Amino acid sequence: MAFVRTPIKDVSNNSGSPSTLYTVPTAKTSIVIGCLMANKTATEATINVYIDAKEGAGSDVFLCHTLKVPEYSSVELALGKVVITHDATTGDVIKAYASAASTFDLVISILEGV
């Protein structure tokens, strides 16, 4: 097992091409233990974080959807324990997109290989 920290600067503002935050390694299971999002701008903005589940069409799930974050503020998702996995063929990917370009930085913490 290993702790992994993935910082993402300037989260994408394109829902069709979101920022990839974390991809589960082949044949591994991981646990999301934290996700901190910081709005770096002088205006309120929204952010979306979701699991692109590789289990099949329609299985993607949002961890937060159009979450409003005030100007110059940060929010931490209180995720508890979210298990994400890779079955040696396909794996889960955590992605995010924001309402405006260059608005958010994000850090996700993972316990990998559980």
N, C-alpha and C. Protein backbone atom coordinates (compact mmCIF):
# COMPACT_ATOMS: atom_id res chain seq x y z
N MET A 1 0.84 -1.19 0.00
CA MET A 1 0.00 0.00 0.00
C MET A 1 0.88 1.24 0.00
N ALA A 2 0.34 2.29 -0.60
CA ALA A 2 1.07 3.56 -0.65
C ALA A 2 0.08 4.71 -0.66
N PHE A 3 0.49 5.80 -0.03
CA PHE A 3 -0.29 7.03 -0.10
C PHE A 3 0.15 7.80 -1.34
N VAL A 4 -0.83 8.31 -2.09
CA VAL A 4 -0.55 9.07 -3.30
C VAL A 4 -1.27 10.41 -3.21
N ARG A 5 -0.54 11.48 -3.52
CA ARG A 5 -1.12 12.83 -3.56
C ARG A 5 -1.00 13.33 -4.98
N THR A 6 -2.13 13.75 -5.55
CA THR A 6 -2.13 14.21 -6.93
C THR A 6 -2.62 15.65 -6.99
N PRO A 7 -1.73 16.61 -7.17
CA PRO A 7 -2.16 17.99 -7.34
C PRO A 7 -2.48 18.29 -8.81
N ILE A 8 -3.56 19.02 -9.03
CA ILE A 8 -3.96 19.43 -10.38
C ILE A 8 -4.10 20.94 -10.38
N LYS A 9 -3.32 21.61 -11.22
CA LYS A 9 -3.39 23.07 -11.34
C LYS A 9 -4.31 23.42 -12.50
N ASP A 10 -5.16 24.43 -12.29
CA ASP A 10 -6.06 24.93 -13.34
C ASP A 10 -6.93 23.82 -13.94
N VAL A 11 -7.87 23.33 -13.15
CA VAL A 11 -8.80 22.30 -13.59
C VAL A 11 -9.52 22.77 -14.86
N SER A 12 -9.74 21.86 -15.79
CA SER A 12 -10.42 22.14 -17.06
C SER A 12 -11.81 22.74 -16.83
N ASN A 13 -12.24 23.56 -17.77
CA ASN A 13 -13.60 24.08 -17.73
C ASN A 13 -14.45 23.46 -18.84
N ASN A 14 -14.00 22.33 -19.38
CA ASN A 14 -14.67 21.68 -20.49
C ASN A 14 -15.18 20.31 -20.05
N SER A 15 -16.50 20.16 -19.95
CA SER A 15 -17.07 18.88 -19.51
C SER A 15 -16.77 17.76 -20.51
N GLY A 16 -16.53 18.10 -21.77
CA GLY A 16 -16.18 17.10 -22.78
C GLY A 16 -14.73 16.68 -22.73
N SER A 17 -13.90 17.47 -22.06
CA SER A 17 -12.48 17.17 -21.91
C SER A 17 -12.04 17.56 -20.50
N PRO A 18 -12.55 16.84 -19.49
CA PRO A 18 -12.24 17.19 -18.11
C PRO A 18 -10.79 16.86 -17.73
N SER A 19 -10.35 17.42 -16.61
CA SER A 19 -9.02 17.09 -16.07
C SER A 19 -9.07 15.72 -15.43
N THR A 20 -8.07 14.91 -15.71
CA THR A 20 -7.95 13.61 -15.05
C THR A 20 -7.19 13.80 -13.75
N LEU A 21 -7.81 13.42 -12.64
CA LEU A 21 -7.20 13.58 -11.32
C LEU A 21 -6.43 12.34 -10.89
N TYR A 22 -7.00 11.18 -11.20
CA TYR A 22 -6.36 9.93 -10.77
C TYR A 22 -6.92 8.78 -11.59
N THR A 23 -6.03 7.88 -12.00
CA THR A 23 -6.41 6.65 -12.69
C THR A 23 -5.92 5.48 -11.86
N VAL A 24 -6.81 4.56 -11.55
CA VAL A 24 -6.43 3.40 -10.75
C VAL A 24 -5.45 2.54 -11.56
N PRO A 25 -4.31 2.19 -10.96
CA PRO A 25 -3.35 1.34 -11.68
C PRO A 25 -3.92 -0.05 -11.99
N THR A 26 -3.37 -0.69 -13.00
CA THR A 26 -3.83 -2.01 -13.43
C THR A 26 -3.86 -3.00 -12.28
N ALA A 27 -4.98 -3.70 -12.17
CA ALA A 27 -5.19 -4.76 -11.19
C ALA A 27 -5.04 -4.29 -9.74
N LYS A 28 -5.39 -3.04 -9.48
CA LYS A 28 -5.29 -2.50 -8.12
C LYS A 28 -6.66 -2.01 -7.65
N THR A 29 -6.78 -1.86 -6.35
CA THR A 29 -7.93 -1.21 -5.72
C THR A 29 -7.37 -0.08 -4.87
N SER A 30 -8.03 1.07 -4.91
CA SER A 30 -7.57 2.24 -4.16
C SER A 30 -8.73 2.84 -3.39
N ILE A 31 -8.42 3.67 -2.41
CA ILE A 31 -9.43 4.36 -1.61
C ILE A 31 -9.14 5.85 -1.65
N VAL A 32 -10.15 6.64 -2.02
CA VAL A 32 -10.03 8.10 -1.97
C VAL A 32 -10.18 8.51 -0.51
N ILE A 33 -9.17 9.22 0.02
CA ILE A 33 -9.24 9.63 1.42
C ILE A 33 -9.35 11.14 1.59
N GLY A 34 -9.26 11.88 0.51
CA GLY A 34 -9.42 13.33 0.60
C GLY A 34 -9.41 13.99 -0.76
N CYS A 35 -10.12 15.14 -0.83
CA CYS A 35 -10.16 15.90 -2.07
C CYS A 35 -10.39 17.37 -1.70
N LEU A 36 -9.37 18.21 -1.90
CA LEU A 36 -9.42 19.62 -1.56
C LEU A 36 -9.44 20.44 -2.83
N MET A 37 -10.42 21.36 -2.94
CA MET A 37 -10.59 22.19 -4.12
C MET A 37 -10.49 23.65 -3.72
N ALA A 38 -9.67 24.43 -4.41
CA ALA A 38 -9.47 25.84 -4.09
C ALA A 38 -9.86 26.72 -5.27
N ASN A 39 -10.78 27.66 -5.02
CA ASN A 39 -11.17 28.66 -6.01
C ASN A 39 -10.18 29.81 -5.87
N LYS A 40 -9.40 30.05 -6.91
CA LYS A 40 -8.32 31.05 -6.87
C LYS A 40 -8.75 32.42 -7.37
N THR A 41 -10.03 32.60 -7.65
CA THR A 41 -10.47 33.83 -8.29
C THR A 41 -11.34 34.70 -7.39
N ALA A 42 -11.64 35.90 -7.87
CA ALA A 42 -12.43 36.88 -7.11
C ALA A 42 -13.94 36.70 -7.31
N THR A 43 -14.35 35.62 -7.97
CA THR A 43 -15.78 35.37 -8.17
C THR A 43 -16.13 33.94 -7.79
N GLU A 44 -17.37 33.74 -7.34
CA GLU A 44 -17.86 32.40 -7.05
C GLU A 44 -17.81 31.56 -8.32
N ALA A 45 -17.49 30.28 -8.17
CA ALA A 45 -17.43 29.37 -9.31
C ALA A 45 -17.94 28.00 -8.88
N THR A 46 -18.23 27.15 -9.86
CA THR A 46 -18.68 25.80 -9.54
C THR A 46 -17.68 24.77 -10.05
N ILE A 47 -17.71 23.61 -9.40
CA ILE A 47 -16.83 22.51 -9.80
C ILE A 47 -17.60 21.20 -9.75
N ASN A 48 -17.20 20.29 -10.61
CA ASN A 48 -17.77 18.94 -10.71
C ASN A 48 -16.64 17.94 -10.60
N VAL A 49 -16.81 16.94 -9.73
CA VAL A 49 -15.83 15.86 -9.60
C VAL A 49 -16.61 14.56 -9.71
N TYR A 50 -16.12 13.64 -10.55
CA TYR A 50 -16.85 12.39 -10.72
C TYR A 50 -15.92 11.23 -11.00
N ILE A 51 -16.48 10.03 -10.81
CA ILE A 51 -15.77 8.80 -11.13
C ILE A 51 -16.24 8.35 -12.50
N ASP A 52 -15.31 8.30 -13.44
CA ASP A 52 -15.57 7.74 -14.76
C ASP A 52 -15.40 6.23 -14.58
N ALA A 53 -16.50 5.59 -14.21
CA ALA A 53 -16.46 4.16 -13.88
C ALA A 53 -16.37 3.34 -15.15
N LYS A 54 -15.43 2.45 -15.22
CA LYS A 54 -15.20 1.66 -16.42
C LYS A 54 -16.02 0.38 -16.43
N GLU A 55 -17.05 0.33 -15.60
CA GLU A 55 -17.89 -0.86 -15.51
C GLU A 55 -18.87 -0.96 -16.66
N GLY A 56 -19.11 0.13 -17.35
CA GLY A 56 -20.04 0.11 -18.47
C GLY A 56 -20.73 1.44 -18.64
N ALA A 57 -21.41 1.61 -19.74
CA ALA A 57 -22.08 2.86 -20.05
C ALA A 57 -23.11 3.20 -18.97
N GLY A 58 -23.14 4.45 -18.59
CA GLY A 58 -24.12 4.92 -17.61
C GLY A 58 -23.74 4.68 -16.17
N SER A 59 -22.53 4.22 -15.90
CA SER A 59 -22.16 3.92 -14.51
C SER A 59 -21.30 5.02 -13.88
N ASP A 60 -21.07 6.14 -14.59
CA ASP A 60 -20.32 7.26 -14.01
C ASP A 60 -21.12 7.87 -12.86
N VAL A 61 -20.42 8.29 -11.80
CA VAL A 61 -21.09 8.88 -10.64
C VAL A 61 -20.37 10.14 -10.18
N PHE A 62 -21.14 11.15 -9.82
CA PHE A 62 -20.58 12.40 -9.33
C PHE A 62 -20.30 12.32 -7.84
N LEU A 63 -19.14 12.81 -7.45
CA LEU A 63 -18.82 13.00 -6.03
C LEU A 63 -19.31 14.36 -5.58
N CYS A 64 -19.31 15.33 -6.51
CA CYS A 64 -19.99 16.62 -6.31
C CYS A 64 -20.39 17.14 -7.68
N HIS A 65 -21.52 17.82 -7.75
CA HIS A 65 -22.04 18.31 -9.02
C HIS A 65 -22.42 19.78 -8.88
N THR A 66 -21.82 20.62 -9.70
CA THR A 66 -21.99 22.08 -9.67
C THR A 66 -21.93 22.62 -8.23
N LEU A 67 -20.91 22.18 -7.52
CA LEU A 67 -20.67 22.65 -6.15
C LEU A 67 -20.19 24.09 -6.19
N LYS A 68 -20.91 24.99 -5.55
CA LYS A 68 -20.53 26.40 -5.52
C LYS A 68 -19.44 26.63 -4.48
N VAL A 69 -18.38 27.27 -4.92
CA VAL A 69 -17.26 27.59 -4.03
C VAL A 69 -17.08 29.11 -4.08
N PRO A 70 -17.19 29.79 -2.93
CA PRO A 70 -17.03 31.24 -2.91
C PRO A 70 -15.64 31.68 -3.37
N GLU A 71 -15.54 32.96 -3.74
CA GLU A 71 -14.27 33.52 -4.17
C GLU A 71 -13.19 33.32 -3.10
N TYR A 72 -11.99 33.07 -3.56
CA TYR A 72 -10.81 32.87 -2.71
C TYR A 72 -11.08 31.93 -1.54
N SER A 73 -11.76 30.83 -1.80
CA SER A 73 -12.10 29.86 -0.76
C SER A 73 -11.73 28.46 -1.20
N SER A 74 -11.68 27.56 -0.23
CA SER A 74 -11.45 26.16 -0.54
C SER A 74 -12.52 25.31 0.12
N VAL A 75 -12.75 24.14 -0.47
CA VAL A 75 -13.73 23.20 0.04
C VAL A 75 -13.10 21.82 0.01
N GLU A 76 -13.34 21.06 1.06
CA GLU A 76 -12.88 19.67 1.05
C GLU A 76 -14.09 18.77 0.99
N LEU A 77 -14.07 17.83 0.06
CA LEU A 77 -15.14 16.85 -0.01
C LEU A 77 -14.97 15.89 1.16
N ALA A 78 -16.01 15.73 1.94
CA ALA A 78 -16.00 14.77 3.05
C ALA A 78 -16.45 13.44 2.48
N LEU A 79 -15.53 12.75 1.86
CA LEU A 79 -15.86 11.54 1.12
C LEU A 79 -16.00 10.30 1.98
N GLY A 80 -15.45 10.33 3.17
CA GLY A 80 -15.40 9.08 3.91
C GLY A 80 -14.45 8.15 3.18
N LYS A 81 -14.93 7.00 2.82
CA LYS A 81 -14.11 6.06 2.06
C LYS A 81 -14.82 5.75 0.75
N VAL A 82 -14.18 6.07 -0.36
CA VAL A 82 -14.72 5.75 -1.68
C VAL A 82 -13.73 4.79 -2.34
N VAL A 83 -14.19 3.59 -2.60
CA VAL A 83 -13.35 2.56 -3.21
C VAL A 83 -13.44 2.67 -4.73
N ILE A 84 -12.28 2.69 -5.36
CA ILE A 84 -12.20 2.69 -6.82
C ILE A 84 -11.28 1.54 -7.22
N THR A 85 -11.52 0.99 -8.41
CA THR A 85 -10.83 -0.25 -8.73
C THR A 85 -10.44 -0.36 -10.20
N HIS A 86 -9.58 -1.34 -10.47
CA HIS A 86 -9.18 -1.71 -11.83
C HIS A 86 -9.14 -3.23 -11.85
N ASP A 87 -9.79 -3.84 -12.83
CA ASP A 87 -9.90 -5.31 -12.86
C ASP A 87 -8.92 -5.99 -13.81
N ALA A 88 -7.84 -5.33 -14.15
CA ALA A 88 -6.81 -5.83 -15.08
C ALA A 88 -7.21 -5.63 -16.54
N THR A 89 -8.46 -5.22 -16.79
CA THR A 89 -8.90 -4.89 -18.13
C THR A 89 -9.30 -3.42 -18.22
N THR A 90 -10.15 -2.99 -17.31
CA THR A 90 -10.61 -1.61 -17.28
C THR A 90 -10.56 -1.09 -15.85
N GLY A 91 -10.39 0.23 -15.71
CA GLY A 91 -10.30 0.81 -14.38
C GLY A 91 -11.01 2.13 -14.26
N ASP A 92 -11.30 2.50 -13.01
CA ASP A 92 -11.95 3.77 -12.72
C ASP A 92 -10.97 4.94 -12.85
N VAL A 93 -11.53 6.09 -13.25
CA VAL A 93 -10.74 7.31 -13.38
C VAL A 93 -11.53 8.43 -12.70
N ILE A 94 -10.87 9.22 -11.86
CA ILE A 94 -11.53 10.37 -11.24
C ILE A 94 -11.20 11.60 -12.08
N LYS A 95 -12.26 12.34 -12.44
CA LYS A 95 -12.12 13.50 -13.32
C LYS A 95 -12.84 14.69 -12.73
N ALA A 96 -12.49 15.90 -13.23
CA ALA A 96 -13.13 17.12 -12.75
C ALA A 96 -13.19 18.16 -13.85
N TYR A 97 -14.18 19.04 -13.75
CA TYR A 97 -14.26 20.21 -14.61
C TYR A 97 -14.96 21.33 -13.84
N ALA A 98 -14.61 22.55 -14.19
CA ALA A 98 -15.10 23.74 -13.48
C ALA A 98 -15.93 24.62 -14.41
N SER A 99 -16.55 25.63 -13.82
CA SER A 99 -17.39 26.54 -14.59
C SER A 99 -16.59 27.56 -15.38
N ALA A 100 -15.33 27.76 -15.02
CA ALA A 100 -14.49 28.74 -15.72
C ALA A 100 -13.05 28.26 -15.75
N ALA A 101 -12.33 28.66 -16.78
CA ALA A 101 -10.92 28.27 -16.94
C ALA A 101 -10.04 28.91 -15.87
N SER A 102 -9.01 28.19 -15.47
CA SER A 102 -8.00 28.68 -14.52
C SER A 102 -8.59 29.16 -13.21
N THR A 103 -9.68 28.54 -12.79
CA THR A 103 -10.37 28.93 -11.56
C THR A 103 -9.93 28.08 -10.37
N PHE A 104 -9.81 26.77 -10.57
CA PHE A 104 -9.58 25.85 -9.45
C PHE A 104 -8.25 25.13 -9.54
N ASP A 105 -7.63 24.96 -8.37
CA ASP A 105 -6.58 23.98 -8.16
C ASP A 105 -7.20 22.90 -7.29
N LEU A 106 -6.72 21.68 -7.42
CA LEU A 106 -7.32 20.57 -6.70
C LEU A 106 -6.23 19.60 -6.26
N VAL A 107 -6.39 19.03 -5.07
CA VAL A 107 -5.48 18.00 -4.59
C VAL A 107 -6.32 16.83 -4.12
N ILE A 108 -6.01 15.66 -4.65
CA ILE A 108 -6.72 14.45 -4.24
C ILE A 108 -5.71 13.53 -3.56
N SER A 109 -6.14 12.90 -2.47
CA SER A 109 -5.28 11.97 -1.72
C SER A 109 -5.88 10.57 -1.80
N ILE A 110 -5.01 9.62 -2.07
CA ILE A 110 -5.44 8.24 -2.34
C ILE A 110 -4.60 7.28 -1.51
N LEU A 111 -5.24 6.24 -1.00
CA LEU A 111 -4.52 5.09 -0.46
C LEU A 111 -4.59 4.03 -1.55
N GLU A 112 -3.43 3.72 -2.13
CA GLU A 112 -3.36 2.91 -3.33
C GLU A 112 -2.89 1.50 -3.01
N GLY A 113 -3.51 0.52 -3.69
CA GLY A 113 -3.07 -0.88 -3.56
C GLY A 113 -3.56 -1.56 -2.31
N VAL A 114 -4.82 -1.32 -1.99
CA VAL A 114 -5.39 -1.93 -0.77
C VAL A 114 -6.01 -3.27 -1.08
